[in-house]
Amino acid sequence: MTAPAFRRLYLLVIVLHLVSDVALSPFYPQLFERLFGVTDMSATGTYIWVCRVTALAAMPLWGLVARRFSMASLVTWGLVVAAALELMIAAAPTYTVFTVLSAVQVAVTMSFALAYPAFVGSGNDRMRDVTAHTYIINVGTVTATVLGAGIMALPNPRWGIAACALLYVALAVLCHRHLPRGRAAEPAIRDDAEPRTDGAAPSRSADGARPARLRARPALLLPLVAVCAAVLAAESARLVVRPFFTLYAEGSGIDPAVAAALFLLPQLTVLAVLPFAGRVHALLGRALLPIACAIAALGLFVQFLSPDLALLALGRVVFGVGLGLGHVALDLRVFAVTRARGPAFAAVETVRVGATLISPLLATGLATTGLALPLAVGAALFAVLSLLLIALPEGPSGNPATTGDPAAPEAAVPEEDPVPHGDRTSHTAHATPTVPAHPTAADPAPAAPRDHQPSARDREEEDQHVH
């Protein structure tokens, strides 16, 4: 199967993960009443919290598992187990059993989140891949909600839930048949020393020191912590304004249907600005993320100033512009730091899930004092994040590879942890005798083993000289 073809499979896995997470989420109260006769609203809150806590616990574990097993194996077996669990959930006799089985399924399907770095890491155009994922998140959310409404419209929702198992089975068969095997099926993530292609032991520098990759770990930890903090702040700021916005709008006399339209306006704006994200990033480079956060802060502040319909609509549009550009810029920063590797990405994703636990509590506490306060706090979080991103140092060593700068040349990434991009220069291919996890036609052939391996210092000086 060609590289574009198996990359499409990764996209399908991402879509299915989104659909399974979102489809029934707006209808849990109605679902529990129809299936189990449960009318207590706290049942919905309990169910959501159990699933989110499970996701928070499972994500780092999948990052560890990804060190030893290929993405193809994780995805295929995850789909098979998820299909079986979907059937069990459809037949669940009580609310408690339904909740427990759903939590187990969430733990299993969190492995699908690693399809995103696998998709990005196997491509040649990171901007295109991140933009495509952003489209999927926004369009997929709407599509999944429509699917959930269709399930609830059935005489018995259990049949709709059970039918979703067929999607898992069909995709599992496709992944088993077409996801890359052989060298590409080696452990998807390895952060120990890479073996040489001739089977020899990992190379050491001339002074007998440990490989440069292992020594570089402390220097790479700071950017990872920084990007995790940025994700936590951005996700918390984005989510804290959601639960009580429609109440805030309706409080000023706005019709509920109009309030619902205003609620969706940022997502529609995101879809409108995504086609321009590449051009804006090419123009602004690293500055795009702090500028996008500042725009999002401005949009929320405008909404906080007045619940007037015109100002609310303007603020929602400005907020959506910041969200769209910021989503792309933040994901580029994430992949520049994690290098599309599963364990590091799992750490970021764990923080992202953690924001979904923090933001509802924060929103509820703020809204009890004033319905406008979540907007003010969201604006403040985005504003502070924008200032911190501007002041963020470029990294301990000044190497662009450690800065998280998506505008930095790909060849500046240390050669001991290559990212498969077709635009690598020839000297990078010569210095990297390893095969990427998902080779494509654009990947350079591995260099022949040499009698003498230059030290990590020599290679770094060569990179800086060339770039």
Protein backbone atom coordinates (compact mmCIF):
# COMPACT_ATOMS: atom_id res chain seq x y z
CA MET A 1 0.00 0.00 0.00
CA THR A 2 1.33 3.45 -0.87
CA ALA A 3 2.20 6.00 1.80
CA PRO A 4 -0.80 8.27 1.03
CA ALA A 5 -3.09 5.23 1.26
CA PHE A 6 -2.00 4.05 4.70
CA ARG A 7 -1.96 7.67 5.89
CA ARG A 8 -5.64 7.80 4.96
CA LEU A 9 -6.18 4.84 7.26
CA TYR A 10 -4.65 6.81 10.11
CA LEU A 11 -7.08 9.62 9.30
CA LEU A 12 -9.98 7.18 9.43
CA VAL A 13 -8.84 6.01 12.86
CA ILE A 14 -8.72 9.63 14.04
CA VAL A 15 -12.24 10.22 12.68
CA LEU A 16 -13.61 7.09 14.35
CA HIS A 17 -12.03 8.08 17.65
CA LEU A 18 -13.68 11.50 17.39
CA VAL A 19 -17.07 10.06 16.45
CA SER A 20 -17.07 7.53 19.28
CA ASP A 21 -16.21 10.29 21.75
CA VAL A 22 -18.65 12.94 20.54
CA ALA A 23 -21.67 11.24 18.91
CA LEU A 24 -23.85 10.61 21.96
CA SER A 25 -22.36 13.21 24.31
CA PRO A 26 -25.16 15.80 23.77
CA PHE A 27 -27.82 13.15 24.41
CA TYR A 28 -26.64 11.31 27.55
CA PRO A 29 -29.58 12.44 29.74
CA GLN A 30 -32.12 11.25 27.16
CA LEU A 31 -30.16 8.05 26.51
CA PHE A 32 -30.00 7.07 30.17
CA GLU A 33 -33.71 7.76 30.61
CA ARG A 34 -34.69 5.66 27.59
CA LEU A 35 -32.38 2.73 28.30
CA PHE A 36 -32.39 2.53 32.08
CA GLY A 37 -35.11 4.87 33.34
CA VAL A 38 -32.46 7.07 35.01
CA THR A 39 -33.63 10.69 35.21
CA ASP A 40 -31.16 12.06 37.77
CA MET A 41 -29.00 14.69 36.04
CA SER A 42 -26.06 13.75 38.24
CA ALA A 43 -25.91 10.43 36.38
CA THR A 44 -24.72 12.27 33.27
CA GLY A 45 -22.08 14.16 35.21
CA THR A 46 -20.86 10.99 36.90
CA TYR A 47 -20.63 9.15 33.59
CA ILE A 48 -18.65 11.96 31.92
CA TRP A 49 -16.25 12.25 34.85
CA VAL A 50 -15.60 8.52 35.02
CA CYS A 51 -14.80 8.43 31.31
CA ARG A 52 -12.55 11.49 31.47
CA VAL A 53 -10.61 10.27 34.48
CA THR A 54 -10.14 6.94 32.71
CA ALA A 55 -8.84 8.73 29.62
CA LEU A 56 -6.45 10.77 31.77
CA ALA A 57 -5.05 7.61 33.35
CA ALA A 58 -4.87 5.60 30.11
CA MET A 59 -3.14 8.09 27.85
CA PRO A 60 0.35 7.99 29.46
CA LEU A 61 0.14 4.20 29.65
CA TRP A 62 -0.43 3.99 25.90
CA GLY A 63 2.58 6.24 25.45
CA LEU A 64 4.68 3.65 27.27
CA VAL A 65 3.16 0.77 25.30
CA ALA A 66 3.99 2.62 22.08
CA ARG A 67 7.69 2.22 22.89
CA ARG A 68 7.45 -1.52 22.33
CA PHE A 69 4.72 -2.09 19.75
CA SER A 70 4.12 -0.71 16.28
CA MET A 71 1.31 1.69 15.54
CA ALA A 72 -0.22 -0.93 13.22
CA SER A 73 -0.50 -3.42 16.09
CA LEU A 74 -1.90 -0.89 18.55
CA VAL A 75 -4.54 0.35 16.13
CA THR A 76 -5.61 -3.06 14.81
CA TRP A 77 -6.01 -4.77 18.16
CA GLY A 78 -7.54 -1.65 19.68
CA LEU A 79 -10.22 -1.64 16.98
CA VAL A 80 -10.99 -5.33 17.56
CA VAL A 81 -11.35 -4.92 21.32
CA ALA A 82 -13.37 -1.72 20.89
CA ALA A 83 -15.80 -3.54 18.57
CA ALA A 84 -16.39 -6.24 21.17
CA LEU A 85 -16.90 -3.63 23.89
CA GLU A 86 -19.34 -1.70 21.70
CA LEU A 87 -21.55 -4.77 21.44
CA MET A 88 -21.35 -5.30 25.20
CA ILE A 89 -22.25 -1.65 25.83
CA ALA A 90 -25.28 -1.97 23.54
CA ALA A 91 -26.48 -4.93 25.60
CA ALA A 92 -25.68 -3.41 29.02
CA PRO A 93 -28.59 -4.18 31.41
CA THR A 94 -28.00 -1.33 33.90
CA TYR A 95 -26.58 2.16 34.05
CA THR A 96 -23.69 0.97 36.21
CA VAL A 97 -22.67 -1.74 33.75
CA PHE A 98 -23.01 0.74 30.89
CA THR A 99 -20.70 3.20 32.68
CA VAL A 100 -18.06 0.59 33.56
CA LEU A 101 -17.97 -0.83 30.02
CA SER A 102 -17.81 2.66 28.54
CA ALA A 103 -14.85 3.50 30.78
CA VAL A 104 -13.03 0.36 29.64
CA GLN A 105 -13.73 1.27 26.02
CA VAL A 106 -12.40 4.78 26.59
CA ALA A 107 -9.20 3.29 28.03
CA VAL A 108 -8.81 1.12 24.91
CA THR A 109 -9.67 3.78 22.33
CA MET A 110 -7.24 6.33 23.80
CA SER A 111 -4.61 4.36 21.87
CA PHE A 112 -6.21 5.80 18.72
CA ALA A 113 -4.99 9.24 19.78
CA LEU A 114 -1.49 8.09 18.79
CA ALA A 115 -2.69 7.81 15.18
CA TYR A 116 -2.36 11.60 14.98
CA PRO A 117 1.44 11.75 15.53
CA ALA A 118 1.78 8.65 13.32
CA PHE A 119 -0.12 10.47 10.57
CA VAL A 120 1.95 13.64 10.93
CA GLY A 121 5.25 11.76 11.34
CA SER A 122 4.73 9.79 8.12
CA GLY A 123 4.10 12.84 5.95
CA ASN A 124 6.17 15.41 4.11
CA ASP A 125 4.11 18.54 4.86
CA ARG A 126 3.45 19.13 8.54
CA MET A 127 1.40 22.27 7.95
CA ARG A 128 -0.92 20.43 5.57
CA ASP A 129 -1.33 17.51 7.98
CA VAL A 130 -2.06 19.68 11.00
CA THR A 131 -4.56 21.75 9.00
CA ALA A 132 -6.26 18.57 7.78
CA HIS A 133 -6.59 17.36 11.37
CA THR A 134 -8.10 20.69 12.42
CA TYR A 135 -10.67 20.36 9.65
CA ILE A 136 -11.48 16.86 10.87
CA ILE A 137 -11.96 18.01 14.46
CA ASN A 138 -14.41 20.76 13.53
CA VAL A 139 -16.31 19.04 10.72
CA GLY A 140 -16.22 15.68 12.51
CA THR A 141 -17.79 17.18 15.63
CA VAL A 142 -20.80 18.36 13.65
CA THR A 143 -21.05 15.05 11.75
CA ALA A 144 -20.78 13.00 14.92
CA THR A 145 -23.53 15.04 16.56
CA VAL A 146 -25.80 14.36 13.57
CA LEU A 147 -24.98 10.64 13.85
CA GLY A 148 -25.83 10.70 17.55
CA ALA A 149 -29.16 12.36 16.78
CA GLY A 150 -29.85 9.59 14.25
CA ILE A 151 -29.13 6.91 16.86
CA MET A 152 -31.47 8.60 19.33
CA ALA A 153 -34.19 8.76 16.64
CA LEU A 154 -34.24 4.96 16.35
CA PRO A 155 -37.02 3.05 18.16
CA ASN A 156 -34.27 1.41 20.22
CA PRO A 157 -30.92 3.24 20.51
CA ARG A 158 -29.22 -0.05 21.38
CA TRP A 159 -29.39 -1.08 17.72
CA GLY A 160 -27.59 2.08 16.66
CA ILE A 161 -24.88 1.57 19.29
CA ALA A 162 -24.41 -2.04 18.21
CA ALA A 163 -24.19 -1.02 14.55
CA CYS A 164 -21.19 1.18 15.39
CA ALA A 165 -19.27 -2.02 16.15
CA LEU A 166 -19.35 -2.75 12.42
CA LEU A 167 -17.32 0.40 11.80
CA TYR A 168 -14.64 -0.81 14.22
CA VAL A 169 -14.54 -4.24 12.59
CA ALA A 170 -14.36 -2.89 9.02
CA LEU A 171 -11.56 -0.49 9.90
CA ALA A 172 -9.69 -3.22 11.82
CA VAL A 173 -9.72 -5.41 8.71
CA LEU A 174 -8.41 -2.56 6.55
CA CYS A 175 -5.67 -1.73 9.05
CA HIS A 176 -4.62 -5.38 9.37
CA ARG A 177 -4.35 -5.72 5.61
CA HIS A 178 -2.81 -2.42 4.65
CA LEU A 179 -0.91 -0.74 7.48
CA PRO A 180 2.85 -1.04 6.84
CA ARG A 181 4.67 -4.08 8.15
CA GLY A 182 8.32 -5.13 8.15
CA ARG A 183 10.63 -2.38 9.33
CA ALA A 184 7.67 -0.04 9.73
CA ALA A 185 6.19 -2.50 12.23
CA GLU A 186 9.11 -2.12 14.63
CA PRO A 187 8.27 -0.46 17.96
CA ALA A 188 6.61 2.78 16.95
CA ILE A 189 8.47 4.82 19.53
CA ARG A 190 11.98 4.32 20.80
CA ASP A 191 13.89 6.89 22.76
CA ASP A 192 16.88 4.76 23.50
CA ALA A 193 19.91 4.68 21.24
CA GLU A 194 19.14 3.71 17.66
CA PRO A 195 20.87 0.61 16.31
CA ARG A 196 22.99 0.84 13.22
CA THR A 197 21.73 -0.67 10.01
CA ASP A 198 24.66 -3.08 9.86
CA GLY A 199 23.58 -4.65 13.14
CA ALA A 200 26.46 -3.16 15.11
CA ALA A 201 26.03 -1.62 18.52
CA PRO A 202 24.87 1.98 18.74
CA SER A 203 27.65 4.40 17.92
CA ARG A 204 29.46 6.42 20.54
CA SER A 205 31.35 9.64 20.20
CA ALA A 206 35.14 9.69 19.95
CA ASP A 207 35.55 10.36 23.66
CA GLY A 208 33.52 7.25 24.57
CA ALA A 209 30.59 9.26 25.90
CA ARG A 210 27.03 8.02 25.68
CA PRO A 211 25.19 8.74 22.45
CA ALA A 212 24.27 12.37 21.92
CA ARG A 213 20.61 11.49 22.00
CA LEU A 214 20.72 10.26 25.58
CA ARG A 215 22.76 13.25 26.70
CA ALA A 216 20.28 15.60 25.00
CA ARG A 217 17.30 14.39 27.03
CA PRO A 218 17.58 17.03 29.79
CA ALA A 219 17.81 19.76 27.15
CA LEU A 220 14.68 18.44 25.42
CA LEU A 221 12.68 18.16 28.66
CA LEU A 222 12.28 21.92 29.14
CA PRO A 223 10.60 22.52 25.75
CA LEU A 224 8.28 19.56 26.40
CA VAL A 225 7.26 20.96 29.79
CA ALA A 226 6.76 24.39 28.21
CA VAL A 227 4.54 23.09 25.43
CA CYS A 228 2.52 21.00 27.91
CA ALA A 229 1.92 24.14 29.96
CA ALA A 230 0.87 26.01 26.82
CA VAL A 231 -1.58 23.24 25.89
CA LEU A 232 -3.04 23.21 29.41
CA ALA A 233 -3.55 26.98 29.40
CA ALA A 234 -4.97 27.13 25.86
CA GLU A 235 -7.36 24.20 26.34
CA SER A 236 -8.54 25.49 29.72
CA ALA A 237 -9.13 28.96 28.27
CA ARG A 238 -11.04 27.50 25.31
CA LEU A 239 -13.21 25.15 27.37
CA VAL A 240 -13.99 27.35 30.38
CA VAL A 241 -16.16 29.66 28.26
CA ARG A 242 -18.36 26.91 26.80
CA PRO A 243 -20.72 25.55 29.51
CA PHE A 244 -22.54 28.78 30.40
CA PHE A 245 -22.27 30.90 27.27
CA THR A 246 -25.83 30.33 26.08
CA LEU A 247 -27.17 31.25 29.54
CA TYR A 248 -25.07 34.42 29.44
CA ALA A 249 -26.50 35.34 26.03
CA GLU A 250 -30.08 34.49 26.96
CA GLY A 251 -29.75 36.58 30.12
CA SER A 252 -29.70 39.72 27.98
CA GLY A 253 -32.88 38.77 26.12
CA ILE A 254 -31.33 36.96 23.15
CA ASP A 255 -33.52 34.20 21.73
CA PRO A 256 -32.32 30.66 22.62
CA ALA A 257 -32.03 29.69 18.96
CA VAL A 258 -29.88 32.76 18.28
CA ALA A 259 -27.79 31.97 21.36
CA ALA A 260 -27.21 28.45 19.99
CA ALA A 261 -26.14 29.94 16.64
CA LEU A 262 -23.74 32.26 18.44
CA PHE A 263 -22.36 29.27 20.32
CA LEU A 264 -21.45 27.57 17.01
CA LEU A 265 -20.11 30.74 15.38
CA PRO A 266 -16.45 30.24 16.47
CA GLN A 267 -16.37 26.73 14.96
CA LEU A 268 -17.74 28.07 11.67
CA THR A 269 -15.12 30.83 11.76
CA VAL A 270 -12.38 28.25 12.34
CA LEU A 271 -13.42 26.46 9.15
CA ALA A 272 -13.38 29.77 7.28
CA VAL A 273 -9.83 30.75 8.35
CA LEU A 274 -8.15 27.35 7.99
CA PRO A 275 -7.48 27.76 4.22
CA PHE A 276 -5.35 30.80 5.07
CA ALA A 277 -3.45 29.22 7.98
CA GLY A 278 -0.51 28.13 5.81
CA ARG A 279 0.01 31.57 4.32
CA VAL A 280 -0.28 33.28 7.69
CA HIS A 281 2.21 30.85 9.22
CA ALA A 282 4.64 31.42 6.34
CA LEU A 283 4.39 35.15 7.02
CA LEU A 284 4.56 35.13 10.83
CA GLY A 285 6.43 31.90 11.60
CA ARG A 286 6.97 31.39 15.34
CA ALA A 287 5.05 34.59 16.13
CA LEU A 288 1.77 33.07 14.91
CA LEU A 289 0.97 31.28 18.17
CA PRO A 290 1.27 34.27 20.55
CA ILE A 291 -0.58 36.48 18.05
CA ALA A 292 -3.38 33.91 17.73
CA CYS A 293 -3.68 33.72 21.52
CA ALA A 294 -3.87 37.52 21.69
CA ILE A 295 -6.65 37.52 19.05
CA ALA A 296 -8.59 34.87 21.01
CA ALA A 297 -8.17 36.95 24.19
CA LEU A 298 -9.49 40.03 22.38
CA GLY A 299 -12.53 38.13 21.12
CA LEU A 300 -13.41 36.87 24.59
CA PHE A 301 -12.87 40.31 26.12
CA VAL A 302 -15.30 41.86 23.60
CA GLN A 303 -17.91 39.26 24.60
CA PHE A 304 -17.28 40.03 28.27
CA LEU A 305 -17.76 43.76 27.77
CA SER A 306 -21.39 43.50 26.69
CA PRO A 307 -24.00 40.82 25.95
CA ASP A 308 -25.32 42.97 23.11
CA LEU A 309 -26.05 40.81 20.05
CA ALA A 310 -23.79 42.72 17.66
CA LEU A 311 -20.84 42.76 20.06
CA LEU A 312 -21.33 39.12 20.92
CA ALA A 313 -21.34 38.15 17.24
CA LEU A 314 -18.22 40.24 16.60
CA GLY A 315 -16.47 38.78 19.63
CA ARG A 316 -17.37 35.21 18.63
CA VAL A 317 -15.94 35.73 15.14
CA VAL A 318 -12.70 37.25 16.47
CA PHE A 319 -12.47 34.43 19.01
CA GLY A 320 -12.91 31.88 16.21
CA VAL A 321 -10.11 33.45 14.18
CA GLY A 322 -7.80 33.12 17.17
CA LEU A 323 -8.90 29.54 17.80
CA GLY A 324 -8.38 28.43 14.20
CA LEU A 325 -4.93 29.94 13.78
CA GLY A 326 -3.95 29.03 17.33
CA HIS A 327 -4.97 25.38 16.91
CA VAL A 328 -2.70 25.02 13.89
CA ALA A 329 0.17 26.96 15.45
CA LEU A 330 0.00 25.08 18.75
CA ASP A 331 -0.07 21.67 17.07
CA LEU A 332 2.93 22.66 14.96
CA ARG A 333 4.74 23.63 18.16
CA VAL A 334 3.73 20.33 19.78
CA PHE A 335 5.09 18.25 16.90
CA ALA A 336 8.26 20.33 16.68
CA VAL A 337 8.94 19.48 20.33
CA THR A 338 7.67 15.88 20.42
CA ARG A 339 8.90 15.12 16.85
CA ALA A 340 5.69 13.14 16.25
CA ARG A 341 6.85 10.52 18.77
CA GLY A 342 4.23 8.65 20.81
CA PRO A 343 5.54 8.89 24.40
CA ALA A 344 6.17 12.63 24.25
CA PHE A 345 2.89 13.21 22.42
CA ALA A 346 1.11 11.07 25.04
CA ALA A 347 2.39 13.46 27.72
CA VAL A 348 0.91 16.41 25.81
CA GLU A 349 -2.36 14.57 25.21
CA THR A 350 -2.59 13.68 28.91
CA VAL A 351 -2.35 17.37 29.75
CA ARG A 352 -5.02 18.10 27.14
CA VAL A 353 -7.38 15.58 28.74
CA GLY A 354 -6.57 17.08 32.13
CA ALA A 355 -7.86 20.43 30.89
CA THR A 356 -11.26 18.81 30.25
CA LEU A 357 -11.37 17.92 33.95
CA ILE A 358 -10.25 21.32 35.23
CA SER A 359 -12.31 23.61 33.00
CA PRO A 360 -15.85 22.46 34.02
CA LEU A 361 -15.02 22.95 37.70
CA LEU A 362 -13.50 26.35 37.02
CA ALA A 363 -16.44 27.40 34.84
CA THR A 364 -19.00 26.33 37.44
CA GLY A 365 -17.25 28.15 40.25
CA LEU A 366 -16.96 31.32 38.20
CA ALA A 367 -20.51 31.21 36.83
CA THR A 368 -22.01 31.00 40.33
CA THR A 369 -20.56 34.46 40.93
CA GLY A 370 -21.34 35.89 37.51
CA LEU A 371 -22.14 34.38 34.11
CA ALA A 372 -19.68 36.74 32.41
CA LEU A 373 -16.72 35.71 34.57
CA PRO A 374 -15.77 32.59 32.53
CA LEU A 375 -15.32 34.87 29.50
CA ALA A 376 -13.09 37.22 31.51
CA VAL A 377 -10.96 34.39 32.86
CA GLY A 378 -10.66 32.79 29.42
CA ALA A 379 -9.52 36.12 27.99
CA ALA A 380 -6.99 36.53 30.81
CA LEU A 381 -5.59 33.02 30.28
CA PHE A 382 -5.13 33.60 26.55
CA ALA A 383 -3.56 37.03 27.17
CA VAL A 384 -1.07 35.70 29.73
CA LEU A 385 -0.24 32.76 27.48
CA SER A 386 0.42 35.15 24.59
CA LEU A 387 2.88 37.17 26.68
CA LEU A 388 4.62 34.05 27.98
CA LEU A 389 5.00 32.62 24.48
CA ILE A 390 6.64 35.85 23.32
CA ALA A 391 9.09 35.69 26.23
CA LEU A 392 9.74 31.96 25.91
CA PRO A 393 13.49 31.35 25.39
CA GLU A 394 14.60 29.50 22.30
CA GLY A 395 16.06 26.62 24.28
CA PRO A 396 19.02 25.74 26.50
CA SER A 397 21.42 25.25 23.60
CA GLY A 398 19.99 27.73 21.12
CA ASN A 399 19.40 24.90 18.69
CA PRO A 400 16.16 25.36 16.78
CA ALA A 401 15.42 21.70 17.30
CA THR A 402 14.86 22.31 21.00
CA THR A 403 12.82 25.45 20.69
CA GLY A 404 9.60 23.98 19.44
CA ASP A 405 9.75 26.44 16.57
CA PRO A 406 7.75 25.06 13.68
CA ALA A 407 9.44 27.49 11.37
CA ALA A 408 12.87 26.06 12.09
CA PRO A 409 14.46 24.03 9.29
CA GLU A 410 13.71 20.33 9.57
CA ALA A 411 17.39 19.51 9.08
CA ALA A 412 18.10 21.27 12.37
CA VAL A 413 16.40 18.43 14.24
CA PRO A 414 19.14 16.27 15.79
CA GLU A 415 19.96 13.40 13.47
CA GLU A 416 19.64 10.81 16.18
CA ASP A 417 15.84 11.27 16.19
CA PRO A 418 14.87 11.76 12.57
CA VAL A 419 11.49 12.89 11.33
CA PRO A 420 10.61 11.57 7.88
CA HIS A 421 10.33 14.61 5.69
CA GLY A 422 11.07 14.49 2.02
CA ASP A 423 12.75 17.89 1.99
CA ARG A 424 15.79 16.76 3.99
CA THR A 425 19.18 17.70 2.62
CA SER A 426 21.65 15.09 1.52
CA HIS A 427 24.01 15.55 4.43
CA THR A 428 21.21 14.74 6.87
CA ALA A 429 20.52 11.47 5.11
CA HIS A 430 24.24 10.68 5.18
CA ALA A 431 24.45 11.27 8.90
CA THR A 432 21.38 9.20 9.71
CA PRO A 433 21.80 5.49 8.92
CA THR A 434 18.39 4.54 10.31
CA VAL A 435 15.14 3.80 8.50
CA PRO A 436 12.10 5.96 9.39
CA ALA A 437 9.16 4.23 11.03
CA HIS A 438 7.00 4.77 7.95
CA PRO A 439 9.21 5.07 4.86
CA THR A 440 7.80 6.76 1.81
CA ALA A 441 9.00 7.19 -1.72
CA ALA A 442 10.51 10.51 -0.72
CA ASP A 443 12.60 9.10 2.11
CA PRO A 444 16.34 8.92 1.44
CA ALA A 445 17.99 5.51 1.34
CA PRO A 446 20.04 4.59 4.41
CA ALA A 447 23.70 5.44 4.11
CA ALA A 448 26.28 2.70 4.00
CA PRO A 449 28.05 2.00 7.30
CA ARG A 450 31.26 3.92 7.77
CA ASP A 451 34.41 2.90 9.58
CA HIS A 452 34.52 6.11 11.51
CA GLN A 453 31.49 7.76 13.15
CA PRO A 454 31.91 11.51 13.80
CA SER A 455 31.17 12.65 17.31
CA ALA A 456 27.85 14.29 18.19
CA ARG A 457 29.70 17.59 18.60
CA ASP A 458 31.17 17.35 15.09
CA ARG A 459 27.76 16.61 13.60
CA GLU A 460 26.17 19.51 15.45
CA GLU A 461 28.89 21.88 14.20
CA GLU A 462 28.37 20.59 10.67
CA ASP A 463 24.62 21.22 10.92
CA GLN A 464 25.16 24.74 12.17
CA HIS A 465 27.68 25.42 9.41
CA VAL A 466 25.32 24.27 6.71
CA HIS A 467 22.23 25.96 8.09
